[in-house]
Amino acid sequence: MTYILLCAGFLAAAAAVAVTTRRRRVLSVAALAITAAALVALTAVFDNLMIAAGLFAYAEDQRVSGLTLGAAPIEDFAYPLAAVILLPALWGALRRHDDP
């Protein structure tokens, strides 16, 4: 299995949860965009720092796409995007129904 297929699975699962738990009140698109930008920026910085420090590495035979942002493969950015999709959906689903 390639790394990009694994990431696509995470994004698809997050999207499925978001669609099935959708509530009437829609979250602010601006808030989600700011959150996504912050998480992607933090992922870029800290993935590159961890790779540069030698904490982990991606070998050529690990089936990454080859597209990178610095030293971090582009696939690593799927996880913060999945979090931006999944966590608000779970938050809304787990809130008490009598909350405004």
N, C-alpha and C. Protein backbone atom coordinates (compact mmCIF):
# COMPACT_ATOMS: atom_id res chain seq x y z
N MET A 1 0.86 -1.18 0.00
CA MET A 1 0.00 0.00 0.00
C MET A 1 0.90 1.23 0.00
N THR A 2 0.53 2.20 -0.81
CA THR A 2 1.30 3.43 -0.85
C THR A 2 0.83 4.36 0.27
N TYR A 3 1.72 5.25 0.61
CA TYR A 3 1.44 6.21 1.68
C TYR A 3 0.27 7.12 1.31
N ILE A 4 0.17 7.46 0.05
CA ILE A 4 -0.92 8.35 -0.37
C ILE A 4 -2.28 7.65 -0.27
N LEU A 5 -2.33 6.33 -0.51
CA LEU A 5 -3.58 5.60 -0.34
C LEU A 5 -3.98 5.53 1.13
N LEU A 6 -3.01 5.37 2.01
CA LEU A 6 -3.28 5.38 3.44
C LEU A 6 -3.86 6.73 3.87
N CYS A 7 -3.25 7.80 3.39
CA CYS A 7 -3.74 9.15 3.72
C CYS A 7 -5.13 9.39 3.13
N ALA A 8 -5.37 8.89 1.93
CA ALA A 8 -6.69 9.03 1.32
C ALA A 8 -7.74 8.31 2.15
N GLY A 9 -7.38 7.19 2.73
CA GLY A 9 -8.30 6.47 3.61
C GLY A 9 -8.66 7.28 4.84
N PHE A 10 -7.66 7.92 5.44
CA PHE A 10 -7.92 8.77 6.61
C PHE A 10 -8.84 9.94 6.23
N LEU A 11 -8.56 10.58 5.11
CA LEU A 11 -9.39 11.71 4.68
C LEU A 11 -10.81 11.27 4.35
N ALA A 12 -10.95 10.10 3.72
CA ALA A 12 -12.27 9.60 3.39
C ALA A 12 -13.06 9.26 4.65
N ALA A 13 -12.40 8.65 5.62
CA ALA A 13 -13.07 8.32 6.88
C ALA A 13 -13.50 9.60 7.61
N ALA A 14 -12.64 10.59 7.63
CA ALA A 14 -12.99 11.86 8.28
C ALA A 14 -14.16 12.53 7.58
N ALA A 15 -14.15 12.51 6.26
CA ALA A 15 -15.24 13.11 5.49
C ALA A 15 -16.55 12.35 5.72
N ALA A 16 -16.47 11.02 5.81
CA ALA A 16 -17.67 10.22 6.06
C ALA A 16 -18.28 10.53 7.42
N VAL A 17 -17.44 10.67 8.43
CA VAL A 17 -17.94 11.03 9.76
C VAL A 17 -18.54 12.43 9.72
N ALA A 18 -17.88 13.35 9.05
CA ALA A 18 -18.38 14.73 8.98
C ALA A 18 -19.75 14.78 8.28
N VAL A 19 -19.91 14.01 7.24
CA VAL A 19 -21.18 14.01 6.50
C VAL A 19 -22.29 13.36 7.33
N THR A 20 -21.97 12.27 8.00
CA THR A 20 -23.01 11.57 8.75
C THR A 20 -23.37 12.25 10.07
N THR A 21 -22.51 13.08 10.60
CA THR A 21 -22.80 13.75 11.87
C THR A 21 -23.13 15.22 11.68
N ARG A 22 -23.36 15.61 10.45
CA ARG A 22 -23.63 17.02 10.14
C ARG A 22 -24.80 17.53 10.95
N ARG A 23 -24.63 18.70 11.50
CA ARG A 23 -25.68 19.34 12.30
C ARG A 23 -26.24 20.51 11.52
N ARG A 24 -27.33 21.05 12.01
CA ARG A 24 -27.97 22.18 11.31
C ARG A 24 -27.07 23.41 11.28
N ARG A 25 -26.43 23.70 12.40
CA ARG A 25 -25.58 24.87 12.46
C ARG A 25 -24.25 24.57 11.76
N VAL A 26 -23.90 25.35 10.79
CA VAL A 26 -22.69 25.14 10.03
C VAL A 26 -21.55 25.91 10.70
N LEU A 27 -20.40 25.27 10.80
CA LEU A 27 -19.24 25.95 11.37
C LEU A 27 -18.75 27.02 10.42
N SER A 28 -18.11 27.99 10.98
CA SER A 28 -17.56 29.08 10.20
C SER A 28 -16.45 28.56 9.28
N VAL A 29 -16.59 28.82 8.00
CA VAL A 29 -15.59 28.40 7.03
C VAL A 29 -14.27 29.13 7.31
N ALA A 30 -14.35 30.38 7.72
CA ALA A 30 -13.14 31.13 8.04
C ALA A 30 -12.40 30.50 9.21
N ALA A 31 -13.14 30.08 10.24
CA ALA A 31 -12.50 29.45 11.40
C ALA A 31 -11.82 28.14 11.00
N LEU A 32 -12.48 27.37 10.16
CA LEU A 32 -11.88 26.11 9.70
C LEU A 32 -10.65 26.37 8.83
N ALA A 33 -10.70 27.39 7.99
CA ALA A 33 -9.56 27.72 7.14
C ALA A 33 -8.37 28.19 7.96
N ILE A 34 -8.62 29.01 8.97
CA ILE A 34 -7.53 29.47 9.84
C ILE A 34 -6.93 28.30 10.60
N THR A 35 -7.78 27.42 11.09
CA THR A 35 -7.30 26.24 11.81
C THR A 35 -6.47 25.35 10.89
N ALA A 36 -6.97 25.12 9.68
CA ALA A 36 -6.23 24.29 8.72
C ALA A 36 -4.88 24.92 8.39
N ALA A 37 -4.85 26.22 8.18
CA ALA A 37 -3.59 26.90 7.87
C ALA A 37 -2.60 26.78 9.02
N ALA A 38 -3.08 26.95 10.24
CA ALA A 38 -2.20 26.84 11.40
C ALA A 38 -1.65 25.42 11.55
N LEU A 39 -2.50 24.42 11.39
CA LEU A 39 -2.05 23.04 11.53
C LEU A 39 -1.10 22.62 10.42
N VAL A 40 -1.35 23.08 9.21
CA VAL A 40 -0.45 22.76 8.10
C VAL A 40 0.90 23.44 8.32
N ALA A 41 0.89 24.68 8.78
CA ALA A 41 2.15 25.38 9.05
C ALA A 41 2.94 24.69 10.16
N LEU A 42 2.26 24.31 11.23
CA LEU A 42 2.94 23.60 12.32
C LEU A 42 3.46 22.24 11.85
N THR A 43 2.70 21.55 11.02
CA THR A 43 3.17 20.28 10.49
C THR A 43 4.41 20.48 9.64
N ALA A 44 4.40 21.51 8.80
CA ALA A 44 5.57 21.78 7.95
C ALA A 44 6.80 22.05 8.79
N VAL A 45 6.66 22.88 9.80
CA VAL A 45 7.82 23.23 10.63
C VAL A 45 8.32 22.02 11.40
N PHE A 46 7.43 21.35 12.12
CA PHE A 46 7.89 20.31 13.02
C PHE A 46 8.24 19.01 12.29
N ASP A 47 7.59 18.69 11.19
CA ASP A 47 8.01 17.52 10.41
C ASP A 47 9.43 17.74 9.89
N ASN A 48 9.69 18.93 9.35
CA ASN A 48 11.02 19.22 8.84
C ASN A 48 12.07 19.19 9.95
N LEU A 49 11.73 19.72 11.12
CA LEU A 49 12.68 19.68 12.24
C LEU A 49 12.96 18.24 12.69
N MET A 50 11.92 17.42 12.77
CA MET A 50 12.12 16.04 13.20
C MET A 50 12.91 15.23 12.18
N ILE A 51 12.67 15.47 10.90
CA ILE A 51 13.43 14.78 9.86
C ILE A 51 14.88 15.25 9.88
N ALA A 52 15.10 16.55 10.03
CA ALA A 52 16.46 17.10 10.08
C ALA A 52 17.21 16.58 11.30
N ALA A 53 16.51 16.37 12.41
CA ALA A 53 17.16 15.87 13.63
C ALA A 53 17.43 14.37 13.56
N GLY A 54 16.91 13.72 12.53
CA GLY A 54 17.14 12.29 12.37
C GLY A 54 16.20 11.41 13.19
N LEU A 55 15.10 11.98 13.66
CA LEU A 55 14.15 11.18 14.43
C LEU A 55 13.47 10.13 13.56
N PHE A 56 13.26 10.45 12.30
CA PHE A 56 12.75 9.49 11.34
C PHE A 56 13.11 9.95 9.94
N ALA A 57 12.99 9.04 9.00
CA ALA A 57 13.32 9.36 7.61
C ALA A 57 12.40 8.57 6.70
N TYR A 58 12.30 9.01 5.48
CA TYR A 58 11.51 8.33 4.47
C TYR A 58 12.47 7.79 3.42
N ALA A 59 12.53 6.49 3.31
CA ALA A 59 13.38 5.86 2.31
C ALA A 59 12.65 5.87 0.96
N GLU A 60 13.41 5.74 -0.09
CA GLU A 60 12.83 5.75 -1.43
C GLU A 60 11.86 4.59 -1.65
N ASP A 61 12.09 3.47 -0.97
CA ASP A 61 11.23 2.30 -1.17
C ASP A 61 9.99 2.31 -0.28
N GLN A 62 9.71 3.40 0.41
CA GLN A 62 8.55 3.47 1.28
C GLN A 62 7.30 3.94 0.55
N ARG A 63 7.38 4.07 -0.74
CA ARG A 63 6.24 4.38 -1.58
C ARG A 63 5.61 5.74 -1.30
N VAL A 64 6.44 6.73 -1.00
CA VAL A 64 5.93 8.09 -0.90
C VAL A 64 5.92 8.68 -2.31
N SER A 65 5.14 9.72 -2.50
CA SER A 65 4.95 10.28 -3.83
C SER A 65 6.21 10.94 -4.39
N GLY A 66 7.07 11.41 -3.52
CA GLY A 66 8.25 12.14 -3.97
C GLY A 66 8.07 13.64 -3.91
N LEU A 67 6.83 14.11 -3.78
CA LEU A 67 6.58 15.54 -3.61
C LEU A 67 6.83 15.89 -2.15
N THR A 68 7.63 16.91 -1.93
CA THR A 68 7.96 17.29 -0.56
C THR A 68 7.80 18.78 -0.35
N LEU A 69 7.64 19.15 0.88
CA LEU A 69 7.68 20.54 1.32
C LEU A 69 8.84 20.58 2.29
N GLY A 70 9.97 21.03 1.81
CA GLY A 70 11.20 20.88 2.58
C GLY A 70 11.59 19.41 2.51
N ALA A 71 11.75 18.79 3.66
CA ALA A 71 12.06 17.35 3.70
C ALA A 71 10.82 16.51 3.95
N ALA A 72 9.71 17.14 4.28
CA ALA A 72 8.48 16.41 4.63
C ALA A 72 7.70 16.04 3.38
N PRO A 73 7.32 14.77 3.26
CA PRO A 73 6.50 14.39 2.10
C PRO A 73 5.13 15.04 2.18
N ILE A 74 4.58 15.34 1.04
CA ILE A 74 3.30 16.06 0.96
C ILE A 74 2.18 15.25 1.62
N GLU A 75 2.33 13.93 1.66
CA GLU A 75 1.31 13.09 2.27
C GLU A 75 1.14 13.37 3.76
N ASP A 76 2.19 13.85 4.42
CA ASP A 76 2.10 14.14 5.86
C ASP A 76 1.07 15.23 6.17
N PHE A 77 0.71 16.01 5.19
CA PHE A 77 -0.22 17.11 5.42
C PHE A 77 -1.69 16.66 5.36
N ALA A 78 -1.91 15.40 5.05
CA ALA A 78 -3.28 14.87 5.06
C ALA A 78 -3.81 14.74 6.48
N TYR A 79 -2.94 14.45 7.43
CA TYR A 79 -3.39 14.23 8.81
C TYR A 79 -3.93 15.50 9.47
N PRO A 80 -3.27 16.65 9.35
CA PRO A 80 -3.89 17.85 9.92
C PRO A 80 -5.19 18.23 9.21
N LEU A 81 -5.28 17.98 7.92
CA LEU A 81 -6.52 18.27 7.21
C LEU A 81 -7.63 17.33 7.67
N ALA A 82 -7.30 16.07 7.90
CA ALA A 82 -8.29 15.13 8.43
C ALA A 82 -8.75 15.57 9.82
N ALA A 83 -7.84 16.10 10.62
CA ALA A 83 -8.22 16.59 11.96
C ALA A 83 -9.17 17.77 11.86
N VAL A 84 -8.94 18.67 10.90
CA VAL A 84 -9.82 19.83 10.73
C VAL A 84 -11.21 19.38 10.30
N ILE A 85 -11.30 18.30 9.55
CA ILE A 85 -12.60 17.78 9.13
C ILE A 85 -13.27 16.99 10.25
N LEU A 86 -12.50 16.11 10.89
CA LEU A 86 -13.06 15.14 11.83
C LEU A 86 -13.40 15.73 13.20
N LEU A 87 -12.52 16.50 13.78
CA LEU A 87 -12.74 16.95 15.15
C LEU A 87 -13.96 17.84 15.33
N PRO A 88 -14.22 18.82 14.46
CA PRO A 88 -15.47 19.58 14.63
C PRO A 88 -16.72 18.72 14.46
N ALA A 89 -16.64 17.73 13.56
CA ALA A 89 -17.78 16.84 13.36
C ALA A 89 -18.04 16.02 14.62
N LEU A 90 -16.98 15.49 15.22
CA LEU A 90 -17.15 14.72 16.46
C LEU A 90 -17.62 15.60 17.60
N TRP A 91 -17.09 16.81 17.66
CA TRP A 91 -17.50 17.75 18.70
C TRP A 91 -19.01 18.01 18.61
N GLY A 92 -19.48 18.27 17.40
CA GLY A 92 -20.90 18.51 17.21
C GLY A 92 -21.75 17.29 17.51
N ALA A 93 -21.24 16.11 17.17
CA ALA A 93 -22.01 14.88 17.41
C ALA A 93 -22.08 14.53 18.89
N LEU A 94 -21.04 14.87 19.64
CA LEU A 94 -20.99 14.48 21.04
C LEU A 94 -21.55 15.53 21.99
N ARG A 95 -21.88 16.71 21.46
CA ARG A 95 -22.49 17.74 22.32
C ARG A 95 -23.86 17.31 22.77
N ARG A 96 -24.23 17.81 23.90
CA ARG A 96 -25.59 17.53 24.38
C ARG A 96 -26.58 18.18 23.43
N HIS A 97 -27.71 17.57 23.23
CA HIS A 97 -28.72 18.08 22.29
C HIS A 97 -29.41 19.34 22.78
N ASP A 98 -29.37 19.61 24.08
CA ASP A 98 -30.04 20.81 24.58
C ASP A 98 -29.13 22.03 24.59
N ASP A 99 -27.86 21.86 24.17
CA ASP A 99 -26.96 23.01 24.06
C ASP A 99 -27.38 23.85 22.87
N PRO A 100 -27.27 25.18 22.99
CA PRO A 100 -27.64 26.04 21.86
C PRO A 100 -26.65 25.94 20.72
